[in-house]
Amino acid sequence: MNKAELIDAIAAEAGISKAQAKVALDSVTNNIGGALAKGGKVSLVGFGTFSVSERGAREGRNPQTGATIKIAAKKVAKFKAGAELAGKL
């Protein structure tokens, strides 16, 4: 399912227009992204938890040349499915 299909499904289930569903979906994703950017975490009971994790610096290899390269440390977003969602999979 892509974003357009998700907007269609939200609009149909909630009985709202596609434009309203798009605004709602954009608001949810922006707020989750904003909370993660501040280093916080977002827990949606039954669905899952979005959090930020630090990935340490490490060495890697250039696949074309085989040369060793340094990969910088960075922060990455993580998602852990809640029990209700995991039960549906």
N, C-alpha and C. Protein backbone atom coordinates (compact mmCIF):
# COMPACT_ATOMS: atom_id res chain seq x y z
N MET A 1 0.86 -1.18 0.00
CA MET A 1 0.00 0.00 0.00
C MET A 1 0.90 1.24 0.00
N ASN A 2 0.61 2.16 -0.90
CA ASN A 2 1.36 3.41 -0.92
C ASN A 2 0.54 4.51 -0.26
N LYS A 3 1.09 5.74 -0.24
CA LYS A 3 0.43 6.84 0.46
C LYS A 3 -0.95 7.15 -0.13
N ALA A 4 -1.07 7.17 -1.45
CA ALA A 4 -2.36 7.47 -2.09
C ALA A 4 -3.41 6.42 -1.73
N GLU A 5 -3.02 5.17 -1.73
CA GLU A 5 -3.96 4.09 -1.36
C GLU A 5 -4.36 4.20 0.11
N LEU A 6 -3.41 4.59 0.97
CA LEU A 6 -3.71 4.76 2.39
C LEU A 6 -4.68 5.93 2.58
N ILE A 7 -4.49 7.01 1.86
CA ILE A 7 -5.40 8.15 1.94
C ILE A 7 -6.80 7.73 1.50
N ASP A 8 -6.90 6.97 0.41
CA ASP A 8 -8.20 6.48 -0.06
C ASP A 8 -8.88 5.62 1.01
N ALA A 9 -8.12 4.74 1.65
CA ALA A 9 -8.67 3.85 2.68
C ALA A 9 -9.13 4.64 3.90
N ILE A 10 -8.35 5.62 4.32
CA ILE A 10 -8.72 6.45 5.48
C ILE A 10 -10.00 7.22 5.17
N ALA A 11 -10.07 7.82 3.98
CA ALA A 11 -11.25 8.59 3.59
C ALA A 11 -12.50 7.72 3.57
N ALA A 12 -12.38 6.53 3.01
CA ALA A 12 -13.54 5.64 2.93
C ALA A 12 -14.00 5.17 4.31
N GLU A 13 -13.04 4.79 5.16
CA GLU A 13 -13.39 4.26 6.48
C GLU A 13 -13.93 5.34 7.41
N ALA A 14 -13.36 6.55 7.33
CA ALA A 14 -13.76 7.62 8.24
C ALA A 14 -14.93 8.44 7.70
N GLY A 15 -15.28 8.22 6.43
CA GLY A 15 -16.39 8.97 5.85
C GLY A 15 -16.04 10.44 5.64
N ILE A 16 -14.80 10.72 5.28
CA ILE A 16 -14.35 12.09 5.03
C ILE A 16 -13.80 12.17 3.61
N SER A 17 -13.53 13.39 3.16
CA SER A 17 -13.00 13.56 1.81
C SER A 17 -11.53 13.13 1.76
N LYS A 18 -11.06 12.88 0.54
CA LYS A 18 -9.65 12.51 0.36
C LYS A 18 -8.73 13.64 0.79
N ALA A 19 -9.15 14.88 0.56
CA ALA A 19 -8.34 16.04 0.96
C ALA A 19 -8.19 16.09 2.48
N GLN A 20 -9.29 15.84 3.19
CA GLN A 20 -9.23 15.83 4.66
C GLN A 20 -8.38 14.67 5.16
N ALA A 21 -8.47 13.52 4.52
CA ALA A 21 -7.68 12.36 4.90
C ALA A 21 -6.19 12.64 4.68
N LYS A 22 -5.86 13.33 3.58
CA LYS A 22 -4.46 13.67 3.30
C LYS A 22 -3.92 14.61 4.36
N VAL A 23 -4.71 15.60 4.76
CA VAL A 23 -4.29 16.54 5.80
C VAL A 23 -4.05 15.79 7.11
N ALA A 24 -4.94 14.88 7.45
CA ALA A 24 -4.81 14.11 8.69
C ALA A 24 -3.56 13.22 8.66
N LEU A 25 -3.35 12.53 7.55
CA LEU A 25 -2.18 11.66 7.43
C LEU A 25 -0.89 12.46 7.48
N ASP A 26 -0.84 13.59 6.77
CA ASP A 26 0.34 14.44 6.79
C ASP A 26 0.62 14.97 8.19
N SER A 27 -0.44 15.31 8.93
CA SER A 27 -0.28 15.78 10.30
C SER A 27 0.32 14.70 11.19
N VAL A 28 -0.17 13.48 11.05
CA VAL A 28 0.35 12.37 11.85
C VAL A 28 1.83 12.14 11.55
N THR A 29 2.19 12.05 10.27
CA THR A 29 3.59 11.78 9.92
C THR A 29 4.50 12.94 10.33
N ASN A 30 4.03 14.18 10.17
CA ASN A 30 4.84 15.33 10.58
C ASN A 30 5.08 15.36 12.09
N ASN A 31 4.04 15.04 12.85
CA ASN A 31 4.18 15.05 14.30
C ASN A 31 5.06 13.92 14.80
N ILE A 32 4.96 12.75 14.20
CA ILE A 32 5.84 11.64 14.58
C ILE A 32 7.28 12.01 14.23
N GLY A 33 7.51 12.54 13.03
CA GLY A 33 8.85 12.95 12.62
C GLY A 33 9.41 14.04 13.52
N GLY A 34 8.59 14.99 13.89
CA GLY A 34 9.03 16.07 14.78
C GLY A 34 9.43 15.55 16.15
N ALA A 35 8.66 14.63 16.70
CA ALA A 35 8.99 14.06 18.00
C ALA A 35 10.30 13.28 17.93
N LEU A 36 10.50 12.53 16.85
CA LEU A 36 11.74 11.76 16.70
C LEU A 36 12.93 12.69 16.50
N ALA A 37 12.75 13.79 15.77
CA ALA A 37 13.83 14.74 15.54
C ALA A 37 14.30 15.37 16.85
N LYS A 38 13.39 15.50 17.81
CA LYS A 38 13.75 16.05 19.12
C LYS A 38 14.33 14.98 20.04
N GLY A 39 14.47 13.75 19.54
CA GLY A 39 15.03 12.67 20.34
C GLY A 39 14.01 11.92 21.17
N GLY A 40 12.73 12.22 20.98
CA GLY A 40 11.68 11.58 21.75
C GLY A 40 11.25 10.25 21.15
N LYS A 41 10.17 9.73 21.68
CA LYS A 41 9.62 8.49 21.16
C LYS A 41 8.11 8.61 21.14
N VAL A 42 7.48 7.89 20.22
CA VAL A 42 6.03 7.94 20.06
C VAL A 42 5.49 6.53 20.21
N SER A 43 4.60 6.36 21.20
CA SER A 43 4.00 5.05 21.45
C SER A 43 2.52 5.10 21.12
N LEU A 44 2.10 4.21 20.24
CA LEU A 44 0.69 4.08 19.89
C LEU A 44 0.26 2.70 20.39
N VAL A 45 -0.47 2.68 21.49
CA VAL A 45 -0.84 1.43 22.15
C VAL A 45 -1.56 0.52 21.17
N GLY A 46 -1.12 -0.70 21.08
CA GLY A 46 -1.71 -1.69 20.19
C GLY A 46 -1.09 -1.68 18.81
N PHE A 47 -0.46 -0.57 18.40
CA PHE A 47 0.15 -0.48 17.08
C PHE A 47 1.66 -0.65 17.17
N GLY A 48 2.32 0.20 17.94
CA GLY A 48 3.76 0.08 18.06
C GLY A 48 4.41 1.33 18.57
N THR A 49 5.75 1.32 18.61
CA THR A 49 6.53 2.43 19.13
C THR A 49 7.58 2.85 18.13
N PHE A 50 7.62 4.15 17.86
CA PHE A 50 8.66 4.74 17.03
C PHE A 50 9.69 5.34 17.97
N SER A 51 10.98 5.11 17.71
CA SER A 51 12.03 5.66 18.55
C SER A 51 13.26 5.97 17.71
N VAL A 52 14.24 6.61 18.34
CA VAL A 52 15.49 6.97 17.69
C VAL A 52 16.60 6.13 18.31
N SER A 53 17.48 5.61 17.46
CA SER A 53 18.60 4.80 17.92
C SER A 53 19.87 5.36 17.30
N GLU A 54 20.98 5.26 18.01
CA GLU A 54 22.25 5.70 17.45
C GLU A 54 23.00 4.52 16.88
N ARG A 55 23.46 4.70 15.67
CA ARG A 55 24.28 3.69 15.02
C ARG A 55 25.72 4.21 15.06
N GLY A 56 26.61 3.46 15.67
CA GLY A 56 27.99 3.90 15.85
C GLY A 56 28.78 3.93 14.55
N ALA A 57 29.90 4.67 14.59
CA ALA A 57 30.79 4.72 13.44
C ALA A 57 31.39 3.33 13.22
N ARG A 58 31.65 3.01 11.95
CA ARG A 58 32.21 1.70 11.64
C ARG A 58 32.96 1.75 10.34
N GLU A 59 33.66 0.70 10.05
CA GLU A 59 34.37 0.60 8.78
C GLU A 59 33.56 -0.26 7.82
N GLY A 60 33.57 0.13 6.57
CA GLY A 60 32.89 -0.63 5.54
C GLY A 60 33.81 -0.81 4.35
N ARG A 61 33.28 -1.41 3.30
CA ARG A 61 34.08 -1.63 2.09
C ARG A 61 33.34 -1.07 0.88
N ASN A 62 34.10 -0.44 -0.01
CA ASN A 62 33.56 -0.01 -1.28
C ASN A 62 33.41 -1.25 -2.14
N PRO A 63 32.20 -1.61 -2.57
CA PRO A 63 32.01 -2.85 -3.30
C PRO A 63 32.70 -2.87 -4.67
N GLN A 64 32.95 -1.70 -5.26
CA GLN A 64 33.61 -1.67 -6.57
C GLN A 64 35.11 -1.87 -6.48
N THR A 65 35.72 -1.22 -5.46
CA THR A 65 37.18 -1.27 -5.38
C THR A 65 37.68 -2.17 -4.26
N GLY A 66 36.84 -2.47 -3.30
CA GLY A 66 37.25 -3.27 -2.16
C GLY A 66 37.99 -2.45 -1.11
N ALA A 67 38.13 -1.14 -1.33
CA ALA A 67 38.84 -0.28 -0.39
C ALA A 67 38.02 -0.10 0.89
N THR A 68 38.72 0.01 2.01
CA THR A 68 38.08 0.24 3.29
C THR A 68 37.69 1.71 3.39
N ILE A 69 36.46 1.96 3.85
CA ILE A 69 35.99 3.32 4.04
C ILE A 69 35.43 3.47 5.44
N LYS A 70 35.41 4.71 5.94
CA LYS A 70 34.86 4.97 7.26
C LYS A 70 33.42 5.42 7.10
N ILE A 71 32.52 4.80 7.83
CA ILE A 71 31.10 5.16 7.82
C ILE A 71 30.83 5.89 9.12
N ALA A 72 30.35 7.13 9.01
CA ALA A 72 30.14 7.97 10.19
C ALA A 72 28.98 7.47 11.04
N ALA A 73 29.01 7.83 12.31
CA ALA A 73 27.90 7.51 13.22
C ALA A 73 26.69 8.33 12.80
N LYS A 74 25.51 7.80 13.04
CA LYS A 74 24.29 8.54 12.74
C LYS A 74 23.14 8.03 13.57
N LYS A 75 22.09 8.83 13.60
CA LYS A 75 20.86 8.45 14.30
C LYS A 75 19.89 7.88 13.27
N VAL A 76 19.18 6.82 13.64
CA VAL A 76 18.22 6.19 12.74
C VAL A 76 16.88 6.00 13.46
N ALA A 77 15.80 6.04 12.70
CA ALA A 77 14.47 5.80 13.26
C ALA A 77 14.23 4.29 13.34
N LYS A 78 13.59 3.88 14.42
CA LYS A 78 13.25 2.47 14.61
C LYS A 78 11.76 2.34 14.90
N PHE A 79 11.21 1.19 14.56
CA PHE A 79 9.82 0.90 14.86
C PHE A 79 9.73 -0.49 15.45
N LYS A 80 9.03 -0.60 16.57
CA LYS A 80 8.79 -1.91 17.18
C LYS A 80 7.28 -2.12 17.22
N ALA A 81 6.83 -3.18 16.59
CA ALA A 81 5.40 -3.47 16.52
C ALA A 81 4.85 -3.81 17.90
N GLY A 82 3.64 -3.34 18.18
CA GLY A 82 2.96 -3.66 19.42
C GLY A 82 2.36 -5.06 19.35
N ALA A 83 1.90 -5.54 20.48
CA ALA A 83 1.37 -6.91 20.56
C ALA A 83 0.16 -7.13 19.64
N GLU A 84 -0.72 -6.14 19.57
CA GLU A 84 -1.92 -6.27 18.75
C GLU A 84 -1.56 -6.38 17.27
N LEU A 85 -0.64 -5.51 16.82
CA LEU A 85 -0.20 -5.54 15.42
C LEU A 85 0.57 -6.82 15.13
N ALA A 86 1.43 -7.22 16.03
CA ALA A 86 2.23 -8.43 15.82
C ALA A 86 1.34 -9.66 15.72
N GLY A 87 0.21 -9.65 16.45
CA GLY A 87 -0.72 -10.77 16.40
C GLY A 87 -1.44 -10.90 15.06
N LYS A 88 -1.52 -9.80 14.31
CA LYS A 88 -2.18 -9.80 13.02
C LYS A 88 -1.26 -10.26 11.90
N LEU A 89 0.04 -10.27 12.16
CA LEU A 89 1.00 -10.61 11.10
C LEU A 89 1.16 -12.10 10.94
